[in-house]
PDB file of N, CA and C in Angstrom:
ATOM      1  N   MET A   1     -21.275   7.789   4.748  1.00  0.00           N
ATOM      2  CA  MET A   1     -21.109   7.501   3.331  1.00  0.00           C
ATOM      3  C   MET A   1     -19.645   7.685   2.940  1.00  0.00           C
ATOM      4  N   VAL A   2     -19.133   6.766   2.169  1.00  0.00           N
ATOM      5  CA  VAL A   2     -17.748   6.806   1.720  1.00  0.00           C
ATOM      6  C   VAL A   2     -17.685   7.462   0.347  1.00  0.00           C
ATOM      7  N   ASP A   3     -16.814   8.453   0.228  1.00  0.00           N
ATOM      8  CA  ASP A   3     -16.583   9.078  -1.074  1.00  0.00           C
ATOM      9  C   ASP A   3     -15.628   8.167  -1.844  1.00  0.00           C
ATOM     10  N   THR A   4     -16.135   7.506  -2.862  1.00  0.00           N
ATOM     11  CA  THR A   4     -15.319   6.533  -3.585  1.00  0.00           C
ATOM     12  C   THR A   4     -14.136   7.187  -4.297  1.00  0.00           C
ATOM     13  N   ARG A   5     -14.238   8.460  -4.626  1.00  0.00           N
ATOM     14  CA  ARG A   5     -13.102   9.154  -5.252  1.00  0.00           C
ATOM     15  C   ARG A   5     -11.925   9.215  -4.296  1.00  0.00           C
ATOM     16  N   PHE A   6     -12.214   9.478  -3.011  1.00  0.00           N
ATOM     17  CA  PHE A   6     -11.160   9.519  -2.001  1.00  0.00           C
ATOM     18  C   PHE A   6     -10.492   8.155  -1.881  1.00  0.00           C
ATOM     19  N   VAL A   7     -11.304   7.119  -1.813  1.00  0.00           N
ATOM     20  CA  VAL A   7     -10.770   5.758  -1.683  1.00  0.00           C
ATOM     21  C   VAL A   7      -9.947   5.402  -2.917  1.00  0.00           C
ATOM     22  N   ASP A   8     -10.439   5.740  -4.095  1.00  0.00           N
ATOM     23  CA  ASP A   8      -9.702   5.451  -5.330  1.00  0.00           C
ATOM     24  C   ASP A   8      -8.357   6.165  -5.352  1.00  0.00           C
ATOM     25  N   LEU A   9      -8.341   7.425  -4.949  1.00  0.00           N
ATOM     26  CA  LEU A   9      -7.097   8.197  -4.915  1.00  0.00           C
ATOM     27  C   LEU A   9      -6.128   7.618  -3.891  1.00  0.00           C
ATOM     28  N   LEU A  10      -6.634   7.273  -2.726  1.00  0.00           N
ATOM     29  CA  LEU A  10      -5.803   6.696  -1.674  1.00  0.00           C
ATOM     30  C   LEU A  10      -5.205   5.363  -2.128  1.00  0.00           C
ATOM     31  N   MET A  11      -6.023   4.502  -2.701  1.00  0.00           N
ATOM     32  CA  MET A  11      -5.538   3.205  -3.165  1.00  0.00           C
ATOM     33  C   MET A  11      -4.545   3.369  -4.320  1.00  0.00           C
ATOM     34  N   SER A  12      -4.795   4.333  -5.179  1.00  0.00           N
ATOM     35  CA  SER A  12      -3.876   4.602  -6.280  1.00  0.00           C
ATOM     36  C   SER A  12      -2.509   5.021  -5.752  1.00  0.00           C
ATOM     37  N   ARG A  13      -2.509   5.885  -4.766  1.00  0.00           N
ATOM     38  CA  ARG A  13      -1.249   6.344  -4.168  1.00  0.00           C
ATOM     39  C   ARG A  13      -0.518   5.191  -3.488  1.00  0.00           C
ATOM     40  N   LEU A  14      -1.250   4.353  -2.774  1.00  0.00           N
ATOM     41  CA  LEU A  14      -0.629   3.201  -2.116  1.00  0.00           C
ATOM     42  C   LEU A  14      -0.076   2.214  -3.147  1.00  0.00           C
ATOM     43  N   ASN A  15      -0.818   1.983  -4.227  1.00  0.00           N
ATOM     44  CA  ASN A  15      -0.341   1.091  -5.289  1.00  0.00           C
ATOM     45  C   ASN A  15       0.932   1.631  -5.937  1.00  0.00           C
ATOM     46  N   GLU A  16       0.965   2.935  -6.147  1.00  0.00           N
ATOM     47  CA  GLU A  16       2.138   3.572  -6.745  1.00  0.00           C
ATOM     48  C   GLU A  16       3.365   3.408  -5.844  1.00  0.00           C
ATOM     49  N   THR A  17       3.186   3.673  -4.560  1.00  0.00           N
ATOM     50  CA  THR A  17       4.286   3.540  -3.609  1.00  0.00           C
ATOM     51  C   THR A  17       4.731   2.088  -3.501  1.00  0.00           C
ATOM     52  N   GLU A  18       3.770   1.176  -3.503  1.00  0.00           N
ATOM     53  CA  GLU A  18       4.089  -0.252  -3.453  1.00  0.00           C
ATOM     54  C   GLU A  18       4.925  -0.657  -4.671  1.00  0.00           C
ATOM     55  N   SER A  19       4.560  -0.187  -5.834  1.00  0.00           N
ATOM     56  CA  SER A  19       5.299  -0.511  -7.058  1.00  0.00           C
ATOM     57  C   SER A  19       6.726   0.024  -7.009  1.00  0.00           C
ATOM     58  N   ILE A  20       6.890   1.238  -6.515  1.00  0.00           N
ATOM     59  CA  ILE A  20       8.226   1.832  -6.403  1.00  0.00           C
ATOM     60  C   ILE A  20       9.099   1.009  -5.465  1.00  0.00           C
ATOM     61  N   LEU A  21       8.539   0.631  -4.318  1.00  0.00           N
ATOM     62  CA  LEU A  21       9.305  -0.174  -3.366  1.00  0.00           C
ATOM     63  C   LEU A  21       9.681  -1.526  -3.962  1.00  0.00           C
ATOM     64  N   LYS A  22       8.739  -2.169  -4.640  1.00  0.00           N
ATOM     65  CA  LYS A  22       9.029  -3.461  -5.269  1.00  0.00           C
ATOM     66  C   LYS A  22      10.110  -3.320  -6.336  1.00  0.00           C
ATOM     67  N   ASP A  23      10.000  -2.277  -7.150  1.00  0.00           N
ATOM     68  CA  ASP A  23      11.001  -2.047  -8.196  1.00  0.00           C
ATOM     69  C   ASP A  23      12.388  -1.847  -7.591  1.00  0.00           C
ATOM     70  N   ASN A  24      12.454  -1.099  -6.497  1.00  0.00           N
ATOM     71  CA  ASN A  24      13.738  -0.870  -5.834  1.00  0.00           C
ATOM     72  C   ASN A  24      14.322  -2.172  -5.291  1.00  0.00           C
ATOM     73  N   LEU A  25      13.464  -3.012  -4.724  1.00  0.00           N
ATOM     74  CA  LEU A  25      13.934  -4.291  -4.198  1.00  0.00           C
ATOM     75  C   LEU A  25      14.433  -5.202  -5.325  1.00  0.00           C
ATOM     76  N   ILE A  26      13.712  -5.223  -6.428  1.00  0.00           N
ATOM     77  CA  ILE A  26      14.058  -6.105  -7.541  1.00  0.00           C
ATOM     78  C   ILE A  26      15.298  -5.614  -8.292  1.00  0.00           C
ATOM     79  N   SER A  27      15.411  -4.304  -8.463  1.00  0.00           N
ATOM     80  CA  SER A  27      16.493  -3.752  -9.292  1.00  0.00           C
ATOM     81  C   SER A  27      17.855  -3.775  -8.610  1.00  0.00           C
ATOM     82  N   GLY A  28      17.865  -3.935  -7.306  1.00  0.00           N
ATOM     83  CA  GLY A  28      19.139  -4.015  -6.608  1.00  0.00           C
ATOM     84  C   GLY A  28      19.723  -2.685  -6.177  1.00  0.00           C
ATOM     85  N   VAL A  29      18.918  -1.636  -6.139  1.00  0.00           N
ATOM     86  CA  VAL A  29      19.440  -0.342  -5.696  1.00  0.00           C
ATOM     87  C   VAL A  29      19.574  -0.249  -4.174  1.00  0.00           C
ATOM     88  N   ILE A  30      19.091  -1.258  -3.479  1.00  0.00           N
ATOM     89  CA  ILE A  30      19.201  -1.291  -2.022  1.00  0.00           C
ATOM     90  C   ILE A  30      20.675  -1.469  -1.664  1.00  0.00           C
ATOM     91  N   LYS A  31      21.180  -0.607  -0.774  1.00  0.00           N
ATOM     92  CA  LYS A  31      22.612  -0.582  -0.462  1.00  0.00           C
ATOM     93  C   LYS A  31      23.042  -1.656   0.523  1.00  0.00           C
ATOM     94  N   ASP A  32      22.217  -1.888   1.541  1.00  0.00           N
ATOM     95  CA  ASP A  32      22.629  -2.821   2.583  1.00  0.00           C
ATOM     96  C   ASP A  32      21.402  -3.483   3.208  1.00  0.00           C
ATOM     97  N   TYR A  33      21.671  -4.374   4.149  1.00  0.00           N
ATOM     98  CA  TYR A  33      20.584  -5.131   4.767  1.00  0.00           C
ATOM     99  C   TYR A  33      19.637  -4.231   5.560  1.00  0.00           C
ATOM    100  N   THR A  34      20.162  -3.201   6.188  1.00  0.00           N
ATOM    101  CA  THR A  34      19.316  -2.281   6.953  1.00  0.00           C
ATOM    102  C   THR A  34      18.301  -1.604   6.040  1.00  0.00           C
ATOM    103  N   GLU A  35      18.765  -1.130   4.900  1.00  0.00           N
ATOM    104  CA  GLU A  35      17.864  -0.489   3.938  1.00  0.00           C
ATOM    105  C   GLU A  35      16.866  -1.503   3.374  1.00  0.00           C
ATOM    106  N   TYR A  36      17.327  -2.721   3.155  1.00  0.00           N
ATOM    107  CA  TYR A  36      16.451  -3.790   2.675  1.00  0.00           C
ATOM    108  C   TYR A  36      15.337  -4.055   3.692  1.00  0.00           C
ATOM    109  N   SER A  37      15.720  -4.183   4.962  1.00  0.00           N
ATOM    110  CA  SER A  37      14.732  -4.448   6.017  1.00  0.00           C
ATOM    111  C   SER A  37      13.721  -3.315   6.118  1.00  0.00           C
ATOM    112  N   LEU A  38      14.191  -2.089   6.025  1.00  0.00           N
ATOM    113  CA  LEU A  38      13.302  -0.934   6.085  1.00  0.00           C
ATOM    114  C   LEU A  38      12.329  -0.943   4.905  1.00  0.00           C
ATOM    115  N   SER A  39      12.833  -1.227   3.733  1.00  0.00           N
ATOM    116  CA  SER A  39      11.971  -1.268   2.546  1.00  0.00           C
ATOM    117  C   SER A  39      10.944  -2.387   2.644  1.00  0.00           C
ATOM    118  N   ARG A  40      11.361  -3.548   3.127  1.00  0.00           N
ATOM    119  CA  ARG A  40      10.424  -4.665   3.309  1.00  0.00           C
ATOM    120  C   ARG A  40       9.339  -4.297   4.323  1.00  0.00           C
ATOM    121  N   GLY A  41       9.739  -3.636   5.397  1.00  0.00           N
ATOM    122  CA  GLY A  41       8.765  -3.218   6.399  1.00  0.00           C
ATOM    123  C   GLY A  41       7.755  -2.232   5.834  1.00  0.00           C
ATOM    124  N   LYS A  42       8.239  -1.286   5.046  1.00  0.00           N
ATOM    125  CA  LYS A  42       7.339  -0.324   4.405  1.00  0.00           C
ATOM    126  C   LYS A  42       6.378  -1.042   3.467  1.00  0.00           C
ATOM    127  N   LEU A  43       6.912  -1.970   2.686  1.00  0.00           N
ATOM    128  CA  LEU A  43       6.091  -2.718   1.735  1.00  0.00           C
ATOM    129  C   LEU A  43       5.008  -3.518   2.453  1.00  0.00           C
ATOM    130  N   GLU A  44       5.376  -4.183   3.518  1.00  0.00           N
ATOM    131  CA  GLU A  44       4.397  -4.953   4.287  1.00  0.00           C
ATOM    132  C   GLU A  44       3.349  -4.035   4.914  1.00  0.00           C
ATOM    133  N   GLY A  45       3.769  -2.870   5.385  1.00  0.00           N
ATOM    134  CA  GLY A  45       2.826  -1.912   5.957  1.00  0.00           C
ATOM    135  C   GLY A  45       1.828  -1.403   4.930  1.00  0.00           C
ATOM    136  N   ILE A  46       2.311  -1.119   3.735  1.00  0.00           N
ATOM    137  CA  ILE A  46       1.426  -0.658   2.662  1.00  0.00           C
ATOM    138  C   ILE A  46       0.431  -1.751   2.288  1.00  0.00           C
ATOM    139  N   GLN A  47       0.904  -2.979   2.186  1.00  0.00           N
ATOM    140  CA  GLN A  47       0.009  -4.080   1.839  1.00  0.00           C
ATOM    141  C   GLN A  47      -1.049  -4.299   2.916  1.00  0.00           C
ATOM    142  N   LEU A  48      -0.663  -4.178   4.159  1.00  0.00           N
ATOM    143  CA  LEU A  48      -1.617  -4.300   5.263  1.00  0.00           C
ATOM    144  C   LEU A  48      -2.638  -3.165   5.216  1.00  0.00           C
ATOM    145  N   ALA A  49      -2.167  -1.949   4.974  1.00  0.00           N
ATOM    146  CA  ALA A  49      -3.070  -0.799   4.887  1.00  0.00           C
ATOM    147  C   ALA A  49      -4.074  -0.983   3.755  1.00  0.00           C
ATOM    148  N   LYS A  50      -3.619  -1.460   2.611  1.00  0.00           N
ATOM    149  CA  LYS A  50      -4.520  -1.684   1.479  1.00  0.00           C
ATOM    150  C   LYS A  50      -5.601  -2.700   1.820  1.00  0.00           C
ATOM    151  N   ARG A  51      -5.205  -3.791   2.467  1.00  0.00           N
ATOM    152  CA  ARG A  51      -6.197  -4.808   2.859  1.00  0.00           C
ATOM    153  C   ARG A  51      -7.212  -4.225   3.832  1.00  0.00           C
ATOM    154  N   ASP A  52      -6.730  -3.477   4.824  1.00  0.00           N
ATOM    155  CA  ASP A  52      -7.632  -2.887   5.814  1.00  0.00           C
ATOM    156  C   ASP A  52      -8.590  -1.888   5.174  1.00  0.00           C
ATOM    157  N   ILE A  53      -8.082  -1.050   4.301  1.00  0.00           N
ATOM    158  CA  ILE A  53      -8.926  -0.054   3.635  1.00  0.00           C
ATOM    159  C   ILE A  53     -10.003  -0.746   2.808  1.00  0.00           C
ATOM    160  N   GLU A  54      -9.606  -1.746   2.029  1.00  0.00           N
ATOM    161  CA  GLU A  54     -10.580  -2.469   1.205  1.00  0.00           C
ATOM    162  C   GLU A  54     -11.646  -3.132   2.064  1.00  0.00           C
ATOM    163  N   GLU A  55     -11.239  -3.733   3.167  1.00  0.00           N
ATOM    164  CA  GLU A  55     -12.190  -4.394   4.062  1.00  0.00           C
ATOM    165  C   GLU A  55     -13.163  -3.391   4.670  1.00  0.00           C
ATOM    166  N   ILE A  56     -12.651  -2.278   5.143  1.00  0.00           N
ATOM    167  CA  ILE A  56     -13.503  -1.266   5.773  1.00  0.00           C
ATOM    168  C   ILE A  56     -14.455  -0.652   4.755  1.00  0.00           C
ATOM    169  N   VAL A  57     -13.954  -0.329   3.576  1.00  0.00           N
ATOM    170  CA  VAL A  57     -14.808   0.256   2.534  1.00  0.00           C
ATOM    171  C   VAL A  57     -15.912  -0.719   2.155  1.00  0.00           C
ATOM    172  N   ASN A  58     -15.576  -1.982   2.004  1.00  0.00           N
ATOM    173  CA  ASN A  58     -16.599  -2.976   1.670  1.00  0.00           C
ATOM    174  C   ASN A  58     -17.649  -3.081   2.765  1.00  0.00           C
ATOM    175  N   GLN A  59     -17.237  -3.038   4.021  1.00  0.00           N
ATOM    176  CA  GLN A  59     -18.195  -3.090   5.127  1.00  0.00           C
ATOM    177  C   GLN A  59     -19.111  -1.877   5.108  1.00  0.00           C
ATOM    178  N   VAL A  60     -18.554  -0.705   4.876  1.00  0.00           N
ATOM    179  CA  VAL A  60     -19.353   0.524   4.873  1.00  0.00           C
ATOM    180  C   VAL A  60     -20.313   0.527   3.689  1.00  0.00           C
ATOM    181  N   LEU A  61     -19.843   0.109   2.521  1.00  0.00           N
ATOM    182  CA  LEU A  61     -20.699   0.104   1.341  1.00  0.00           C
ATOM    183  C   LEU A  61     -21.818  -0.921   1.465  1.00  0.00           C
ATOM    184  N   ILE A  62     -21.547  -2.048   2.096  1.00  0.00           N
ATOM    185  CA  ILE A  62     -22.580  -3.067   2.294  1.00  0.00           C
ATOM    186  C   ILE A  62     -23.645  -2.562   3.256  1.00  0.00           C
ATOM    187  N   GLU A  63     -23.236  -1.825   4.292  1.00  0.00           N
ATOM    188  CA  GLU A  63     -24.193  -1.291   5.268  1.00  0.00           C
ATOM    189  C   GLU A  63     -25.112  -0.259   4.641  1.00  0.00           C
ATOM    190  N   ASN A  64     -24.623   0.460   3.636  1.00  0.00           N
ATOM    191  CA  ASN A  64     -25.426   1.505   2.995  1.00  0.00           C
ATOM    192  C   ASN A  64     -26.130   0.896   1.858  1.00  0.00           C
TER     193      ASN A  64
END
């Protein structure tokens, strides 16, 4: 059984981090290309994690 509070908290934290990274990319506080690449990689990783979590939670909830 999945505790939906845990999933909600986890997704909230990922959404918050995603927003911060996007804001940093848009606002221009990135110093150089290396930092830009690192931020893009983090952003893509967070987006992938969110998709995977949502997919797994949906599978578990459907099974129950």
